[in-house]
mmCIF file of all heavy atoms, coordinates in Angstrom:
data_MODEL
# 
_entry.id   MODEL 
# 
loop_
_atom_site.group_PDB 
_atom_site.id 
_atom_site.type_symbol 
_atom_site.label_atom_id 
_atom_site.label_alt_id 
_atom_site.label_comp_id 
_atom_site.label_asym_id 
_atom_site.label_entity_id 
_atom_site.label_seq_id 
_atom_site.pdbx_PDB_ins_code 
_atom_site.Cartn_x 
_atom_site.Cartn_y 
_atom_site.Cartn_z 
_atom_site.occupancy 
_atom_site.B_iso_or_equiv 
_atom_site.pdbx_formal_charge 
_atom_site.auth_seq_id 
_atom_site.auth_comp_id 
_atom_site.auth_asym_id 
_atom_site.auth_atom_id 
_atom_site.pdbx_PDB_model_num 
ATOM 1   N N   . SER A 1 1  ? -18.076 -7.055  -7.421  1.00 0.00 ? 1  SER A N   1 
ATOM 2   C CA  . SER A 1 1  ? -16.970 -7.601  -8.228  1.00 0.00 ? 1  SER A CA  1 
ATOM 3   C C   . SER A 1 1  ? -16.132 -8.597  -7.561  1.00 0.00 ? 1  SER A C   1 
ATOM 4   O O   . SER A 1 1  ? -15.544 -8.292  -6.510  1.00 0.00 ? 1  SER A O   1 
ATOM 5   C CB  . SER A 1 1  ? -16.196 -6.475  -8.816  1.00 0.00 ? 1  SER A CB  1 
ATOM 6   O OG  . SER A 1 1  ? -15.187 -6.976  -9.658  1.00 0.00 ? 1  SER A OG  1 
ATOM 7   N N   . SER A 1 2  ? -16.031 -9.755  -8.153  1.00 0.00 ? 2  SER A N   1 
ATOM 8   C CA  . SER A 1 2  ? -14.963 -10.727 -7.733  1.00 0.00 ? 2  SER A CA  1 
ATOM 9   C C   . SER A 1 2  ? -13.649 -10.271 -8.391  1.00 0.00 ? 2  SER A C   1 
ATOM 10  O O   . SER A 1 2  ? -13.645 -9.247  -9.051  1.00 0.00 ? 2  SER A O   1 
ATOM 11  C CB  . SER A 1 2  ? -15.295 -12.093 -8.168  1.00 0.00 ? 2  SER A CB  1 
ATOM 12  O OG  . SER A 1 2  ? -16.491 -12.534 -7.550  1.00 0.00 ? 2  SER A OG  1 
ATOM 13  N N   . GLY A 1 3  ? -12.617 -10.964 -8.173  1.00 0.00 ? 3  GLY A N   1 
ATOM 14  C CA  . GLY A 1 3  ? -11.299 -10.818 -8.879  1.00 0.00 ? 3  GLY A CA  1 
ATOM 15  C C   . GLY A 1 3  ? -10.078 -10.350 -8.024  1.00 0.00 ? 3  GLY A C   1 
ATOM 16  O O   . GLY A 1 3  ? -8.998  -10.401 -8.512  1.00 0.00 ? 3  GLY A O   1 
ATOM 17  N N   . ALA A 1 4  ? -10.290 -10.123 -6.669  1.00 0.00 ? 4  ALA A N   1 
ATOM 18  C CA  . ALA A 1 4  ? -9.178  -9.612  -5.977  1.00 0.00 ? 4  ALA A CA  1 
ATOM 19  C C   . ALA A 1 4  ? -8.187  -10.765 -5.765  1.00 0.00 ? 4  ALA A C   1 
ATOM 20  O O   . ALA A 1 4  ? -6.923  -10.559 -5.889  1.00 0.00 ? 4  ALA A O   1 
ATOM 21  C CB  . ALA A 1 4  ? -9.627  -9.098  -4.587  1.00 0.00 ? 4  ALA A CB  1 
ATOM 22  N N   . ILE A 1 5  ? -8.653  -11.977 -5.326  1.00 0.00 ? 5  ILE A N   1 
ATOM 23  C CA  . ILE A 1 5  ? -7.733  -13.086 -5.138  1.00 0.00 ? 5  ILE A CA  1 
ATOM 24  C C   . ILE A 1 5  ? -7.076  -13.436 -6.461  1.00 0.00 ? 5  ILE A C   1 
ATOM 25  O O   . ILE A 1 5  ? -5.902  -13.640 -6.543  1.00 0.00 ? 5  ILE A O   1 
ATOM 26  C CB  . ILE A 1 5  ? -8.499  -14.282 -4.442  1.00 0.00 ? 5  ILE A CB  1 
ATOM 27  C CG1 . ILE A 1 5  ? -8.860  -13.879 -3.147  1.00 0.00 ? 5  ILE A CG1 1 
ATOM 28  C CG2 . ILE A 1 5  ? -7.614  -15.517 -4.554  1.00 0.00 ? 5  ILE A CG2 1 
ATOM 29  C CD1 . ILE A 1 5  ? -9.612  -15.024 -2.421  1.00 0.00 ? 5  ILE A CD1 1 
ATOM 30  N N   . ALA A 1 6  ? -7.858  -13.546 -7.524  1.00 0.00 ? 6  ALA A N   1 
ATOM 31  C CA  . ALA A 1 6  ? -7.299  -13.926 -8.890  1.00 0.00 ? 6  ALA A CA  1 
ATOM 32  C C   . ALA A 1 6  ? -6.278  -12.937 -9.317  1.00 0.00 ? 6  ALA A C   1 
ATOM 33  O O   . ALA A 1 6  ? -5.169  -13.322 -9.857  1.00 0.00 ? 6  ALA A O   1 
ATOM 34  C CB  . ALA A 1 6  ? -8.430  -13.992 -9.889  1.00 0.00 ? 6  ALA A CB  1 
ATOM 35  N N   . GLU A 1 7  ? -6.461  -11.605 -9.206  1.00 0.00 ? 7  GLU A N   1 
ATOM 36  C CA  . GLU A 1 7  ? -5.489  -10.582 -9.530  1.00 0.00 ? 7  GLU A CA  1 
ATOM 37  C C   . GLU A 1 7  ? -4.251  -10.642 -8.634  1.00 0.00 ? 7  GLU A C   1 
ATOM 38  O O   . GLU A 1 7  ? -3.217  -10.488 -9.058  1.00 0.00 ? 7  GLU A O   1 
ATOM 39  C CB  . GLU A 1 7  ? -6.068  -9.247  -9.494  1.00 0.00 ? 7  GLU A CB  1 
ATOM 40  C CG  . GLU A 1 7  ? -5.214  -8.061  -9.599  1.00 0.00 ? 7  GLU A CG  1 
ATOM 41  C CD  . GLU A 1 7  ? -4.464  -8.021  -11.029 1.00 0.00 ? 7  GLU A CD  1 
ATOM 42  O OE1 . GLU A 1 7  ? -4.825  -8.780  -11.898 1.00 0.00 ? 7  GLU A OE1 1 
ATOM 43  O OE2 . GLU A 1 7  ? -3.568  -7.150  -11.147 1.00 0.00 ? 7  GLU A OE2 1 
ATOM 44  N N   . GLY A 1 8  ? -4.449  -10.955 -7.339  1.00 0.00 ? 8  GLY A N   1 
ATOM 45  C CA  . GLY A 1 8  ? -3.295  -11.155 -6.466  1.00 0.00 ? 8  GLY A CA  1 
ATOM 46  C C   . GLY A 1 8  ? -2.503  -12.313 -6.803  1.00 0.00 ? 8  GLY A C   1 
ATOM 47  O O   . GLY A 1 8  ? -1.338  -12.262 -6.833  1.00 0.00 ? 8  GLY A O   1 
ATOM 48  N N   . MET A 1 9  ? -3.226  -13.400 -7.237  1.00 0.00 ? 9  MET A N   1 
ATOM 49  C CA  . MET A 1 9  ? -2.321  -14.620 -7.686  1.00 0.00 ? 9  MET A CA  1 
ATOM 50  C C   . MET A 1 9  ? -1.495  -14.280 -8.974  1.00 0.00 ? 9  MET A C   1 
ATOM 51  O O   . MET A 1 9  ? -0.341  -14.659 -8.995  1.00 0.00 ? 9  MET A O   1 
ATOM 52  C CB  . MET A 1 9  ? -3.323  -15.694 -8.084  1.00 0.00 ? 9  MET A CB  1 
ATOM 53  C CG  . MET A 1 9  ? -3.997  -16.390 -6.926  1.00 0.00 ? 9  MET A CG  1 
ATOM 54  S SD  . MET A 1 9  ? -5.464  -17.432 -7.416  1.00 0.00 ? 9  MET A SD  1 
ATOM 55  C CE  . MET A 1 9  ? -4.680  -18.441 -8.750  1.00 0.00 ? 9  MET A CE  1 
ATOM 56  N N   . LYS A 1 10 ? -2.126  -13.508 -9.870  1.00 0.00 ? 10 LYS A N   1 
ATOM 57  C CA  . LYS A 1 10 ? -1.329  -13.149 -11.070 1.00 0.00 ? 10 LYS A CA  1 
ATOM 58  C C   . LYS A 1 10 ? -0.159  -12.241 -10.678 1.00 0.00 ? 10 LYS A C   1 
ATOM 59  O O   . LYS A 1 10 ? 0.938   -12.389 -11.150 1.00 0.00 ? 10 LYS A O   1 
ATOM 60  C CB  . LYS A 1 10 ? -2.306  -12.320 -11.998 1.00 0.00 ? 10 LYS A CB  1 
ATOM 61  C CG  . LYS A 1 10 ? -1.561  -12.027 -13.399 1.00 0.00 ? 10 LYS A CG  1 
ATOM 62  C CD  . LYS A 1 10 ? -1.219  -10.648 -13.425 1.00 0.00 ? 10 LYS A CD  1 
ATOM 63  C CE  . LYS A 1 10 ? -0.694  -10.265 -14.776 1.00 0.00 ? 10 LYS A CE  1 
ATOM 64  N NZ  . LYS A 1 10 ? -0.309  -8.817  -14.937 1.00 0.00 ? 10 LYS A NZ  1 
ATOM 65  N N   . ARG A 1 11 ? -0.326  -11.301 -9.767  1.00 0.00 ? 11 ARG A N   1 
ATOM 66  C CA  . ARG A 1 11 ? 0.667   -10.343 -9.342  1.00 0.00 ? 11 ARG A CA  1 
ATOM 67  C C   . ARG A 1 11 ? 1.791   -11.017 -8.654  1.00 0.00 ? 11 ARG A C   1 
ATOM 68  O O   . ARG A 1 11 ? 3.037   -10.589 -8.651  1.00 0.00 ? 11 ARG A O   1 
ATOM 69  C CB  . ARG A 1 11 ? 0.126   -9.112  -8.501  1.00 0.00 ? 11 ARG A CB  1 
ATOM 70  C CG  . ARG A 1 11 ? -0.840  -8.222  -9.410  1.00 0.00 ? 11 ARG A CG  1 
ATOM 71  C CD  . ARG A 1 11 ? -1.204  -7.025  -8.578  1.00 0.00 ? 11 ARG A CD  1 
ATOM 72  N NE  . ARG A 1 11 ? -1.892  -6.058  -9.386  1.00 0.00 ? 11 ARG A NE  1 
ATOM 73  C CZ  . ARG A 1 11 ? -1.998  -4.778  -9.171  1.00 0.00 ? 11 ARG A CZ  1 
ATOM 74  N NH1 . ARG A 1 11 ? -1.310  -4.240  -8.067  1.00 0.00 ? 11 ARG A NH1 1 
ATOM 75  N NH2 . ARG A 1 11 ? -2.682  -4.002  -9.966  1.00 0.00 ? 11 ARG A NH2 1 
ATOM 76  N N   . LEU A 1 12 ? 1.378   -12.041 -7.877  1.00 0.00 ? 12 LEU A N   1 
ATOM 77  C CA  . LEU A 1 12 ? 2.414   -12.851 -7.072  1.00 0.00 ? 12 LEU A CA  1 
ATOM 78  C C   . LEU A 1 12 ? 3.052   -13.986 -7.901  1.00 0.00 ? 12 LEU A C   1 
ATOM 79  O O   . LEU A 1 12 ? 3.917   -14.565 -7.329  1.00 0.00 ? 12 LEU A O   1 
ATOM 80  C CB  . LEU A 1 12 ? 1.739   -13.440 -5.762  1.00 0.00 ? 12 LEU A CB  1 
ATOM 81  C CG  . LEU A 1 12 ? 1.302   -12.297 -4.790  1.00 0.00 ? 12 LEU A CG  1 
ATOM 82  C CD1 . LEU A 1 12 ? 0.353   -12.988 -3.764  1.00 0.00 ? 12 LEU A CD1 1 
ATOM 83  C CD2 . LEU A 1 12 ? 2.543   -11.700 -4.101  1.00 0.00 ? 12 LEU A CD2 1 
ATOM 84  N N   . GLY A 1 13 ? 2.611   -14.220 -9.094  1.00 0.00 ? 13 GLY A N   1 
ATOM 85  C CA  . GLY A 1 13 ? 3.118   -15.191 -9.875  1.00 0.00 ? 13 GLY A CA  1 
ATOM 86  C C   . GLY A 1 13 ? 2.681   -16.620 -9.590  1.00 0.00 ? 13 GLY A C   1 
ATOM 87  O O   . GLY A 1 13 ? 3.399   -17.633 -9.884  1.00 0.00 ? 13 GLY A O   1 
ATOM 88  N N   . TRP A 1 14 ? 1.504   -16.710 -9.004  1.00 0.00 ? 14 TRP A N   1 
ATOM 89  C CA  . TRP A 1 14 ? 0.933   -18.090 -8.526  1.00 0.00 ? 14 TRP A CA  1 
ATOM 90  C C   . TRP A 1 14 ? 0.075   -18.598 -9.684  1.00 0.00 ? 14 TRP A C   1 
ATOM 91  O O   . TRP A 1 14 ? -0.922  -17.918 -10.092 1.00 0.00 ? 14 TRP A O   1 
ATOM 92  C CB  . TRP A 1 14 ? 0.209   -17.943 -7.308  1.00 0.00 ? 14 TRP A CB  1 
ATOM 93  C CG  . TRP A 1 14 ? 1.021   -17.583 -6.103  1.00 0.00 ? 14 TRP A CG  1 
ATOM 94  C CD1 . TRP A 1 14 ? 2.312   -17.510 -6.086  1.00 0.00 ? 14 TRP A CD1 1 
ATOM 95  C CD2 . TRP A 1 14 ? 0.456   -17.200 -4.851  1.00 0.00 ? 14 TRP A CD2 1 
ATOM 96  N NE1 . TRP A 1 14 ? 2.817   -17.049 -4.755  1.00 0.00 ? 14 TRP A NE1 1 
ATOM 97  C CE2 . TRP A 1 14 ? 1.686   -16.874 -4.018  1.00 0.00 ? 14 TRP A CE2 1 
ATOM 98  C CE3 . TRP A 1 14 ? -0.786  -17.017 -4.358  1.00 0.00 ? 14 TRP A CE3 1 
ATOM 99  C CZ2 . TRP A 1 14 ? 1.520   -16.448 -2.700  1.00 0.00 ? 14 TRP A CZ2 1 
ATOM 100 C CZ3 . TRP A 1 14 ? -0.895  -16.578 -2.917  1.00 0.00 ? 14 TRP A CZ3 1 
ATOM 101 C CH2 . TRP A 1 14 ? 0.232   -16.289 -2.174  1.00 0.00 ? 14 TRP A CH2 1 
ATOM 102 N N   . ALA A 1 15 ? 0.322   -19.807 -10.163 1.00 0.00 ? 15 ALA A N   1 
ATOM 103 C CA  . ALA A 1 15 ? -0.404  -20.313 -11.296 1.00 0.00 ? 15 ALA A CA  1 
ATOM 104 C C   . ALA A 1 15 ? -1.752  -21.029 -10.754 1.00 0.00 ? 15 ALA A C   1 
ATOM 105 O O   . ALA A 1 15 ? -2.707  -21.132 -11.583 1.00 0.00 ? 15 ALA A O   1 
ATOM 106 C CB  . ALA A 1 15 ? 0.388   -21.364 -12.082 1.00 0.00 ? 15 ALA A CB  1 
ATOM 107 N N   . THR A 1 16 ? -1.739  -21.494 -9.626  1.00 0.00 ? 16 THR A N   1 
ATOM 108 C CA  . THR A 1 16 ? -2.928  -22.272 -9.083  1.00 0.00 ? 16 THR A CA  1 
ATOM 109 C C   . THR A 1 16 ? -3.318  -21.492 -7.772  1.00 0.00 ? 16 THR A C   1 
ATOM 110 O O   . THR A 1 16 ? -2.589  -21.023 -6.986  1.00 0.00 ? 16 THR A O   1 
ATOM 111 C CB  . THR A 1 16 ? -2.616  -23.716 -8.865  1.00 0.00 ? 16 THR A CB  1 
ATOM 112 O OG1 . THR A 1 16 ? -1.570  -23.889 -7.966  1.00 0.00 ? 16 THR A OG1 1 
ATOM 113 C CG2 . THR A 1 16 ? -2.309  -24.401 -10.106 1.00 0.00 ? 16 THR A CG2 1 
ATOM 114 N N   . ARG A 1 17 ? -4.684  -21.628 -7.540  1.00 0.00 ? 17 ARG A N   1 
ATOM 115 C CA  . ARG A 1 17 ? -5.220  -21.079 -6.415  1.00 0.00 ? 17 ARG A CA  1 
ATOM 116 C C   . ARG A 1 17 ? -4.658  -21.716 -5.059  1.00 0.00 ? 17 ARG A C   1 
ATOM 117 O O   . ARG A 1 17 ? -4.877  -22.994 -4.927  1.00 0.00 ? 17 ARG A O   1 
ATOM 118 C CB  . ARG A 1 17 ? -6.753  -21.162 -6.433  1.00 0.00 ? 17 ARG A CB  1 
ATOM 119 C CG  . ARG A 1 17 ? -7.429  -20.462 -5.222  1.00 0.00 ? 17 ARG A CG  1 
ATOM 120 C CD  . ARG A 1 17 ? -8.979  -20.591 -5.371  1.00 0.00 ? 17 ARG A CD  1 
ATOM 121 N NE  . ARG A 1 17 ? -9.667  -20.167 -4.221  1.00 0.00 ? 17 ARG A NE  1 
ATOM 122 C CZ  . ARG A 1 17 ? -10.329 -18.968 -4.200  1.00 0.00 ? 17 ARG A CZ  1 
ATOM 123 N NH1 . ARG A 1 17 ? -10.381 -18.235 -5.271  1.00 0.00 ? 17 ARG A NH1 1 
ATOM 124 N NH2 . ARG A 1 17 ? -11.010 -18.611 -3.147  1.00 0.00 ? 17 ARG A NH2 1 
ATOM 125 N N   . PRO A 1 18 ? -4.117  -21.079 -4.127  1.00 0.00 ? 18 PRO A N   1 
ATOM 126 C CA  . PRO A 1 18 ? -3.599  -21.746 -2.902  1.00 0.00 ? 18 PRO A CA  1 
ATOM 127 C C   . PRO A 1 18 ? -4.759  -22.252 -2.081  1.00 0.00 ? 18 PRO A C   1 
ATOM 128 O O   . PRO A 1 18 ? -5.775  -21.753 -2.181  1.00 0.00 ? 18 PRO A O   1 
ATOM 129 C CB  . PRO A 1 18 ? -2.723  -20.679 -2.250  1.00 0.00 ? 18 PRO A CB  1 
ATOM 130 C CG  . PRO A 1 18 ? -3.327  -19.373 -2.716  1.00 0.00 ? 18 PRO A CG  1 
ATOM 131 C CD  . PRO A 1 18 ? -3.799  -19.598 -4.109  1.00 0.00 ? 18 PRO A CD  1 
ATOM 132 N N   . LYS A 1 19 ? -4.437  -23.153 -1.133  1.00 0.00 ? 19 LYS A N   1 
ATOM 133 C CA  . LYS A 1 19 ? -5.428  -23.585 -0.244  1.00 0.00 ? 19 LYS A CA  1 
ATOM 134 C C   . LYS A 1 19 ? -5.311  -22.976 1.250   1.00 0.00 ? 19 LYS A C   1 
ATOM 135 O O   . LYS A 1 19 ? -6.134  -22.944 1.956   1.00 0.00 ? 19 LYS A O   1 
ATOM 136 C CB  . LYS A 1 19 ? -5.395  -25.118 -0.143  1.00 0.00 ? 19 LYS A CB  1 
ATOM 137 C CG  . LYS A 1 19 ? -5.730  -25.848 -1.415  1.00 0.00 ? 19 LYS A CG  1 
ATOM 138 C CD  . LYS A 1 19 ? -5.676  -27.314 -1.326  1.00 0.00 ? 19 LYS A CD  1 
ATOM 139 C CE  . LYS A 1 19 ? -6.045  -27.997 -2.560  1.00 0.00 ? 19 LYS A CE  1 
ATOM 140 N NZ  . LYS A 1 19 ? -5.993  -29.500 -2.528  1.00 0.00 ? 19 LYS A NZ  1 
ATOM 141 N N   . ALA A 1 20 ? -4.042  -22.537 1.492   1.00 0.00 ? 20 ALA A N   1 
ATOM 142 C CA  . ALA A 1 20 ? -3.716  -22.033 2.815   1.00 0.00 ? 20 ALA A CA  1 
ATOM 143 C C   . ALA A 1 20 ? -4.520  -20.648 2.958   1.00 0.00 ? 20 ALA A C   1 
ATOM 144 O O   . ALA A 1 20 ? -4.430  -19.839 2.136   1.00 0.00 ? 20 ALA A O   1 
ATOM 145 C CB  . ALA A 1 20 ? -2.293  -21.865 3.085   1.00 0.00 ? 20 ALA A CB  1 
ATOM 146 N N   . ILE A 1 21 ? -5.216  -20.527 4.062   1.00 0.00 ? 21 ILE A N   1 
ATOM 147 C CA  . ILE A 1 21 ? -5.983  -19.355 4.270   1.00 0.00 ? 21 ILE A CA  1 
ATOM 148 C C   . ILE A 1 21 ? -5.059  -18.078 4.232   1.00 0.00 ? 21 ILE A C   1 
ATOM 149 O O   . ILE A 1 21 ? -5.458  -17.003 3.662   1.00 0.00 ? 21 ILE A O   1 
ATOM 150 C CB  . ILE A 1 21 ? -6.755  -19.384 5.639   1.00 0.00 ? 21 ILE A CB  1 
ATOM 151 C CG1 . ILE A 1 21 ? -7.732  -20.512 5.617   1.00 0.00 ? 21 ILE A CG1 1 
ATOM 152 C CG2 . ILE A 1 21 ? -7.420  -18.056 5.986   1.00 0.00 ? 21 ILE A CG2 1 
ATOM 153 C CD1 . ILE A 1 21 ? -8.873  -20.228 4.516   1.00 0.00 ? 21 ILE A CD1 1 
ATOM 154 N N   . HIS A 1 22 ? -3.922  -18.069 4.943   1.00 0.00 ? 22 HIS A N   1 
ATOM 155 C CA  . HIS A 1 22 ? -3.139  -16.843 4.972   1.00 0.00 ? 22 HIS A CA  1 
ATOM 156 C C   . HIS A 1 22 ? -2.638  -16.457 3.576   1.00 0.00 ? 22 HIS A C   1 
ATOM 157 O O   . HIS A 1 22 ? -2.493  -15.270 3.329   1.00 0.00 ? 22 HIS A O   1 
ATOM 158 C CB  . HIS A 1 22 ? -1.963  -17.083 6.031   1.00 0.00 ? 22 HIS A CB  1 
ATOM 159 C CG  . HIS A 1 22 ? -0.929  -18.068 5.597   1.00 0.00 ? 22 HIS A CG  1 
ATOM 160 N ND1 . HIS A 1 22 ? -1.068  -19.458 5.842   1.00 0.00 ? 22 HIS A ND1 1 
ATOM 161 C CD2 . HIS A 1 22 ? 0.172   -18.132 4.962   1.00 0.00 ? 22 HIS A CD2 1 
ATOM 162 C CE1 . HIS A 1 22 ? -0.135  -20.128 5.271   1.00 0.00 ? 22 HIS A CE1 1 
ATOM 163 N NE2 . HIS A 1 22 ? 0.709   -19.293 4.756   1.00 0.00 ? 22 HIS A NE2 1 
ATOM 164 N N   . GLU A 1 23 ? -2.372  -17.493 2.745   1.00 0.00 ? 23 GLU A N   1 
ATOM 165 C CA  . GLU A 1 23 ? -1.943  -17.196 1.367   1.00 0.00 ? 23 GLU A CA  1 
ATOM 166 C C   . GLU A 1 23 ? -3.112  -16.517 0.544   1.00 0.00 ? 23 GLU A C   1 
ATOM 167 O O   . GLU A 1 23 ? -2.867  -15.570 -0.211  1.00 0.00 ? 23 GLU A O   1 
ATOM 168 C CB  . GLU A 1 23 ? -1.454  -18.421 0.683   1.00 0.00 ? 23 GLU A CB  1 
ATOM 169 C CG  . GLU A 1 23 ? -0.107  -18.868 1.275   1.00 0.00 ? 23 GLU A CG  1 
ATOM 170 C CD  . GLU A 1 23 ? 0.427   -20.106 0.552   1.00 0.00 ? 23 GLU A CD  1 
ATOM 171 O OE1 . GLU A 1 23 ? -0.338  -20.859 -0.101  1.00 0.00 ? 23 GLU A OE1 1 
ATOM 172 O OE2 . GLU A 1 23 ? 1.655   -20.407 0.709   1.00 0.00 ? 23 GLU A OE2 1 
ATOM 173 N N   . LEU A 1 24 ? -4.272  -17.076 0.735   1.00 0.00 ? 24 LEU A N   1 
ATOM 174 C CA  . LEU A 1 24 ? -5.503  -16.510 0.075   1.00 0.00 ? 24 LEU A CA  1 
ATOM 175 C C   . LEU A 1 24 ? -5.770  -15.097 0.521   1.00 0.00 ? 24 LEU A C   1 
ATOM 176 O O   . LEU A 1 24 ? -6.059  -14.225 -0.268  1.00 0.00 ? 24 LEU A O   1 
ATOM 177 C CB  . LEU A 1 24 ? -6.697  -17.407 0.314   1.00 0.00 ? 24 LEU A CB  1 
ATOM 178 C CG  . LEU A 1 24 ? -6.739  -18.725 -0.381  1.00 0.00 ? 24 LEU A CG  1 
ATOM 179 C CD1 . LEU A 1 24 ? -7.855  -19.626 0.213   1.00 0.00 ? 24 LEU A CD1 1 
ATOM 180 C CD2 . LEU A 1 24 ? -6.955  -18.560 -1.911  1.00 0.00 ? 24 LEU A CD2 1 
ATOM 181 N N   . GLN A 1 25 ? -5.588  -14.826 1.893   1.00 0.00 ? 25 GLN A N   1 
ATOM 182 C CA  . GLN A 1 25 ? -5.777  -13.562 2.317   1.00 0.00 ? 25 GLN A CA  1 
ATOM 183 C C   . GLN A 1 25 ? -4.732  -12.495 1.848   1.00 0.00 ? 25 GLN A C   1 
ATOM 184 O O   . GLN A 1 25 ? -5.003  -11.413 1.494   1.00 0.00 ? 25 GLN A O   1 
ATOM 185 C CB  . GLN A 1 25 ? -5.771  -13.501 3.889   1.00 0.00 ? 25 GLN A CB  1 
ATOM 186 C CG  . GLN A 1 25 ? -7.066  -14.204 4.445   1.00 0.00 ? 25 GLN A CG  1 
ATOM 187 C CD  . GLN A 1 25 ? -6.923  -14.309 5.918   1.00 0.00 ? 25 GLN A CD  1 
ATOM 188 O OE1 . GLN A 1 25 ? -5.814  -14.650 6.481   1.00 0.00 ? 25 GLN A OE1 1 
ATOM 189 N NE2 . GLN A 1 25 ? -8.023  -14.409 6.688   1.00 0.00 ? 25 GLN A NE2 1 
ATOM 190 N N   . ALA A 1 26 ? -3.439  -13.014 1.685   1.00 0.00 ? 26 ALA A N   1 
ATOM 191 C CA  . ALA A 1 26 ? -2.427  -12.209 1.101   1.00 0.00 ? 26 ALA A CA  1 
ATOM 192 C C   . ALA A 1 26 ? -2.666  -11.874 -0.365  1.00 0.00 ? 26 ALA A C   1 
ATOM 193 O O   . ALA A 1 26 ? -2.462  -10.711 -0.779  1.00 0.00 ? 26 ALA A O   1 
ATOM 194 C CB  . ALA A 1 26 ? -1.086  -12.902 1.328   1.00 0.00 ? 26 ALA A CB  1 
ATOM 195 N N   . ALA A 1 27 ? -3.128  -12.810 -1.068  1.00 0.00 ? 27 ALA A N   1 
ATOM 196 C CA  . ALA A 1 27 ? -3.536  -12.548 -2.466  1.00 0.00 ? 27 ALA A CA  1 
ATOM 197 C C   . ALA A 1 27 ? -4.579  -11.659 -2.635  1.00 0.00 ? 27 ALA A C   1 
ATOM 198 O O   . ALA A 1 27 ? -4.590  -10.693 -3.553  1.00 0.00 ? 27 ALA A O   1 
ATOM 199 C CB  . ALA A 1 27 ? -3.844  -13.913 -3.098  1.00 0.00 ? 27 ALA A CB  1 
ATOM 200 N N   . ALA A 1 28 ? -5.524  -11.688 -1.783  1.00 0.00 ? 28 ALA A N   1 
ATOM 201 C CA  . ALA A 1 28 ? -6.736  -10.754 -1.756  1.00 0.00 ? 28 ALA A CA  1 
ATOM 202 C C   . ALA A 1 28 ? -6.224  -9.250  -1.473  1.00 0.00 ? 28 ALA A C   1 
ATOM 203 O O   . ALA A 1 28 ? -6.608  -8.329  -2.140  1.00 0.00 ? 28 ALA A O   1 
ATOM 204 C CB  . ALA A 1 28 ? -7.788  -11.111 -0.697  1.00 0.00 ? 28 ALA A CB  1 
ATOM 205 N N   . ALA A 1 29 ? -5.355  -9.186  -0.522  1.00 0.00 ? 29 ALA A N   1 
ATOM 206 C CA  . ALA A 1 29 ? -4.807  -7.924  -0.224  1.00 0.00 ? 29 ALA A CA  1 
ATOM 207 C C   . ALA A 1 29 ? -3.960  -7.237  -1.336  1.00 0.00 ? 29 ALA A C   1 
ATOM 208 O O   . ALA A 1 29 ? -4.177  -5.985  -1.643  1.00 0.00 ? 29 ALA A O   1 
ATOM 209 C CB  . ALA A 1 29 ? -3.942  -7.969  1.096   1.00 0.00 ? 29 ALA A CB  1 
# 
């Protein structure tokens, strides 16, 4: 299942997928 980063973006209030690796990793967590 995909969805961890997308769900993290929603929970963090981010409308667009970030490009910075550390932000993507944070969203995944």
